[in-house]
Amino acid sequence: MVTLEEQAKYRMLNGMVRSLEFKQDTLVIPAIEMINMVRAVRMYQNQIARLQSSNWVNDQIETIKTYTSRNFCD
């Protein structure tokens, strides 16, 4: 959780960056937020990659059948 003091600091930093008039949009955020965003993106990329694998899908089906002790024909 970001404190009010930290929010004020980042507002000030963002204002300073904007005043430099970069040609591209810039944003100053806490490093931990960037790390968390990168981790989330990587996690979703890995999940999507697994979903695209037919072996993964077949493994999940077998796992479900094993845990439920059922076949899809039941």
N, C-alpha and C. Protein backbone atom coordinates (compact mmCIF):
# COMPACT_ATOMS: atom_id res chain seq x y z
N MET A 1 0.84 -1.17 0.00
CA MET A 1 0.00 0.00 0.00
C MET A 1 0.89 1.24 0.00
N VAL A 2 0.58 2.15 -0.85
CA VAL A 2 1.35 3.36 -0.99
C VAL A 2 0.79 4.43 -0.05
N THR A 3 1.66 5.03 0.76
CA THR A 3 1.22 6.06 1.70
C THR A 3 0.95 7.37 0.96
N LEU A 4 0.28 8.29 1.65
CA LEU A 4 0.01 9.60 1.06
C LEU A 4 1.31 10.33 0.75
N GLU A 5 2.29 10.16 1.60
CA GLU A 5 3.59 10.79 1.38
C GLU A 5 4.25 10.26 0.11
N GLU A 6 4.18 8.93 -0.08
CA GLU A 6 4.75 8.33 -1.29
C GLU A 6 3.99 8.79 -2.53
N GLN A 7 2.66 8.89 -2.42
CA GLN A 7 1.86 9.36 -3.55
C GLN A 7 2.27 10.77 -3.95
N ALA A 8 2.46 11.62 -2.96
CA ALA A 8 2.88 13.00 -3.23
C ALA A 8 4.24 13.02 -3.90
N LYS A 9 5.14 12.16 -3.44
CA LYS A 9 6.48 12.09 -4.02
C LYS A 9 6.41 11.68 -5.49
N TYR A 10 5.58 10.68 -5.81
CA TYR A 10 5.48 10.22 -7.19
C TYR A 10 4.75 11.23 -8.07
N ARG A 11 3.79 11.95 -7.51
CA ARG A 11 3.15 13.03 -8.27
C ARG A 11 4.18 14.10 -8.63
N MET A 12 5.03 14.44 -7.66
CA MET A 12 6.06 15.45 -7.90
C MET A 12 7.05 14.95 -8.95
N LEU A 13 7.50 13.70 -8.83
CA LEU A 13 8.44 13.14 -9.80
C LEU A 13 7.84 13.09 -11.20
N ASN A 14 6.59 12.69 -11.29
CA ASN A 14 5.92 12.65 -12.59
C ASN A 14 5.79 14.04 -13.18
N GLY A 15 5.50 15.04 -12.32
CA GLY A 15 5.44 16.42 -12.79
C GLY A 15 6.78 16.88 -13.32
N MET A 16 7.86 16.50 -12.62
CA MET A 16 9.20 16.88 -13.08
C MET A 16 9.51 16.23 -14.43
N VAL A 17 9.17 14.97 -14.55
CA VAL A 17 9.43 14.26 -15.81
C VAL A 17 8.64 14.90 -16.95
N ARG A 18 7.36 15.23 -16.68
CA ARG A 18 6.54 15.89 -17.71
C ARG A 18 7.14 17.22 -18.14
N SER A 19 7.73 17.94 -17.19
CA SER A 19 8.30 19.26 -17.51
C SER A 19 9.53 19.14 -18.42
N LEU A 20 10.13 17.96 -18.48
CA LEU A 20 11.28 17.76 -19.36
C LEU A 20 10.85 17.63 -20.82
N GLU A 21 9.55 17.48 -21.03
CA GLU A 21 8.95 17.43 -22.36
C GLU A 21 9.55 16.35 -23.27
N PHE A 22 9.62 15.15 -22.74
CA PHE A 22 10.06 14.02 -23.57
C PHE A 22 9.08 13.82 -24.70
N LYS A 23 9.54 13.29 -25.80
CA LYS A 23 8.66 13.07 -26.96
C LYS A 23 7.72 11.88 -26.72
N GLN A 24 8.09 10.97 -25.84
CA GLN A 24 7.25 9.82 -25.53
C GLN A 24 6.68 9.98 -24.13
N ASP A 25 5.57 9.31 -23.87
CA ASP A 25 4.98 9.36 -22.53
C ASP A 25 5.91 8.67 -21.54
N THR A 26 6.05 9.25 -20.38
CA THR A 26 6.86 8.67 -19.32
C THR A 26 6.05 8.63 -18.04
N LEU A 27 6.45 7.75 -17.15
CA LEU A 27 5.75 7.60 -15.89
C LEU A 27 6.74 7.10 -14.86
N VAL A 28 6.70 7.65 -13.66
CA VAL A 28 7.55 7.20 -12.56
C VAL A 28 6.67 6.43 -11.60
N ILE A 29 7.05 5.18 -11.33
CA ILE A 29 6.29 4.35 -10.39
C ILE A 29 7.29 3.63 -9.49
N PRO A 30 6.83 3.15 -8.33
CA PRO A 30 7.72 2.39 -7.45
C PRO A 30 8.21 1.13 -8.16
N ALA A 31 9.46 0.78 -7.92
CA ALA A 31 10.06 -0.40 -8.56
C ALA A 31 9.27 -1.67 -8.25
N ILE A 32 8.75 -1.79 -7.03
CA ILE A 32 8.02 -3.01 -6.67
C ILE A 32 6.77 -3.16 -7.52
N GLU A 33 6.13 -2.04 -7.89
CA GLU A 33 4.96 -2.14 -8.75
C GLU A 33 5.34 -2.64 -10.13
N MET A 34 6.47 -2.18 -10.65
CA MET A 34 6.95 -2.65 -11.94
C MET A 34 7.29 -4.13 -11.88
N ILE A 35 7.96 -4.53 -10.82
CA ILE A 35 8.31 -5.95 -10.64
C ILE A 35 7.04 -6.79 -10.60
N ASN A 36 6.04 -6.35 -9.85
CA ASN A 36 4.78 -7.10 -9.76
C ASN A 36 4.08 -7.19 -11.11
N MET A 37 4.11 -6.11 -11.89
CA MET A 37 3.49 -6.14 -13.22
C MET A 37 4.22 -7.12 -14.14
N VAL A 38 5.55 -7.10 -14.10
CA VAL A 38 6.34 -8.01 -14.93
C VAL A 38 6.05 -9.46 -14.54
N ARG A 39 6.00 -9.73 -13.25
CA ARG A 39 5.69 -11.09 -12.78
C ARG A 39 4.31 -11.54 -13.26
N ALA A 40 3.33 -10.65 -13.16
CA ALA A 40 1.97 -10.99 -13.60
C ALA A 40 1.94 -11.29 -15.09
N VAL A 41 2.60 -10.46 -15.88
CA VAL A 41 2.64 -10.69 -17.33
C VAL A 41 3.30 -12.02 -17.64
N ARG A 42 4.41 -12.31 -17.00
CA ARG A 42 5.11 -13.59 -17.23
C ARG A 42 4.25 -14.77 -16.83
N MET A 43 3.52 -14.64 -15.72
CA MET A 43 2.65 -15.73 -15.27
C MET A 43 1.57 -16.00 -16.33
N TYR A 44 0.95 -14.93 -16.82
CA TYR A 44 -0.10 -15.11 -17.83
C TYR A 44 0.48 -15.62 -19.15
N GLN A 45 1.67 -15.19 -19.51
CA GLN A 45 2.30 -15.71 -20.72
C GLN A 45 2.54 -17.21 -20.59
N ASN A 46 3.01 -17.65 -19.42
CA ASN A 46 3.24 -19.08 -19.20
C ASN A 46 1.94 -19.86 -19.24
N GLN A 47 0.89 -19.30 -18.65
CA GLN A 47 -0.40 -20.00 -18.67
C GLN A 47 -0.94 -20.11 -20.09
N ILE A 48 -0.81 -19.06 -20.87
CA ILE A 48 -1.28 -19.09 -22.26
C ILE A 48 -0.47 -20.10 -23.06
N ALA A 49 0.85 -20.12 -22.85
CA ALA A 49 1.70 -21.07 -23.57
C ALA A 49 1.30 -22.50 -23.25
N ARG A 50 0.97 -22.77 -21.98
CA ARG A 50 0.55 -24.12 -21.61
C ARG A 50 -0.78 -24.48 -22.24
N LEU A 51 -1.69 -23.52 -22.31
CA LEU A 51 -3.00 -23.78 -22.90
C LEU A 51 -2.90 -24.10 -24.38
N GLN A 52 -1.88 -23.61 -25.04
CA GLN A 52 -1.73 -23.85 -26.45
C GLN A 52 -1.14 -25.23 -26.73
N SER A 53 -0.72 -25.91 -25.72
CA SER A 53 -0.12 -27.23 -25.88
C SER A 53 -1.19 -28.31 -25.72
N SER A 54 -1.34 -29.14 -26.74
CA SER A 54 -2.34 -30.22 -26.64
C SER A 54 -1.96 -31.22 -25.56
N ASN A 55 -0.66 -31.40 -25.33
CA ASN A 55 -0.24 -32.31 -24.25
C ASN A 55 -0.71 -31.81 -22.90
N TRP A 56 -0.65 -30.49 -22.68
CA TRP A 56 -1.11 -29.92 -21.41
C TRP A 56 -2.59 -30.17 -21.24
N VAL A 57 -3.37 -29.94 -22.28
CA VAL A 57 -4.82 -30.17 -22.21
C VAL A 57 -5.10 -31.63 -21.89
N ASN A 58 -4.43 -32.55 -22.59
CA ASN A 58 -4.63 -33.98 -22.33
C ASN A 58 -4.24 -34.34 -20.91
N ASP A 59 -3.15 -33.77 -20.40
CA ASP A 59 -2.73 -34.03 -19.02
C ASP A 59 -3.78 -33.55 -18.03
N GLN A 60 -4.38 -32.39 -18.29
CA GLN A 60 -5.40 -31.85 -17.40
C GLN A 60 -6.64 -32.74 -17.40
N ILE A 61 -7.01 -33.23 -18.56
CA ILE A 61 -8.16 -34.14 -18.66
C ILE A 61 -7.89 -35.41 -17.86
N GLU A 62 -6.71 -35.96 -18.01
CA GLU A 62 -6.36 -37.18 -17.25
C GLU A 62 -6.34 -36.91 -15.76
N THR A 63 -5.85 -35.76 -15.35
CA THR A 63 -5.82 -35.41 -13.93
C THR A 63 -7.24 -35.32 -13.37
N ILE A 64 -8.13 -34.68 -14.10
CA ILE A 64 -9.53 -34.56 -13.67
C ILE A 64 -10.16 -35.94 -13.57
N LYS A 65 -9.92 -36.78 -14.56
CA LYS A 65 -10.48 -38.14 -14.54
C LYS A 65 -9.96 -38.92 -13.35
N THR A 66 -8.68 -38.75 -13.03
CA THR A 66 -8.08 -39.47 -11.90
C THR A 66 -8.68 -39.01 -10.58
N TYR A 67 -8.75 -37.68 -10.38
CA TYR A 67 -9.28 -37.15 -9.12
C TYR A 67 -10.75 -37.45 -8.92
N THR A 68 -11.52 -37.50 -9.99
CA THR A 68 -12.96 -37.75 -9.85
C THR A 68 -13.32 -39.23 -9.99
N SER A 69 -12.33 -40.04 -10.39
CA SER A 69 -12.55 -41.47 -10.61
C SER A 69 -13.65 -41.70 -11.61
N ARG A 70 -13.69 -40.86 -12.64
CA ARG A 70 -14.73 -40.98 -13.67
C ARG A 70 -14.12 -40.81 -15.04
N ASN A 71 -14.86 -41.28 -16.01
CA ASN A 71 -14.53 -41.04 -17.41
C ASN A 71 -15.58 -40.10 -17.97
N PHE A 72 -15.29 -39.50 -19.08
CA PHE A 72 -16.26 -38.60 -19.66
C PHE A 72 -17.44 -39.36 -20.28
N CYS A 73 -17.33 -40.67 -20.35
CA CYS A 73 -18.42 -41.48 -20.88
C CYS A 73 -19.42 -41.85 -19.80
N ASP A 74 -19.08 -41.61 -18.53
CA ASP A 74 -19.98 -41.97 -17.40
C ASP A 74 -21.25 -41.16 -17.45
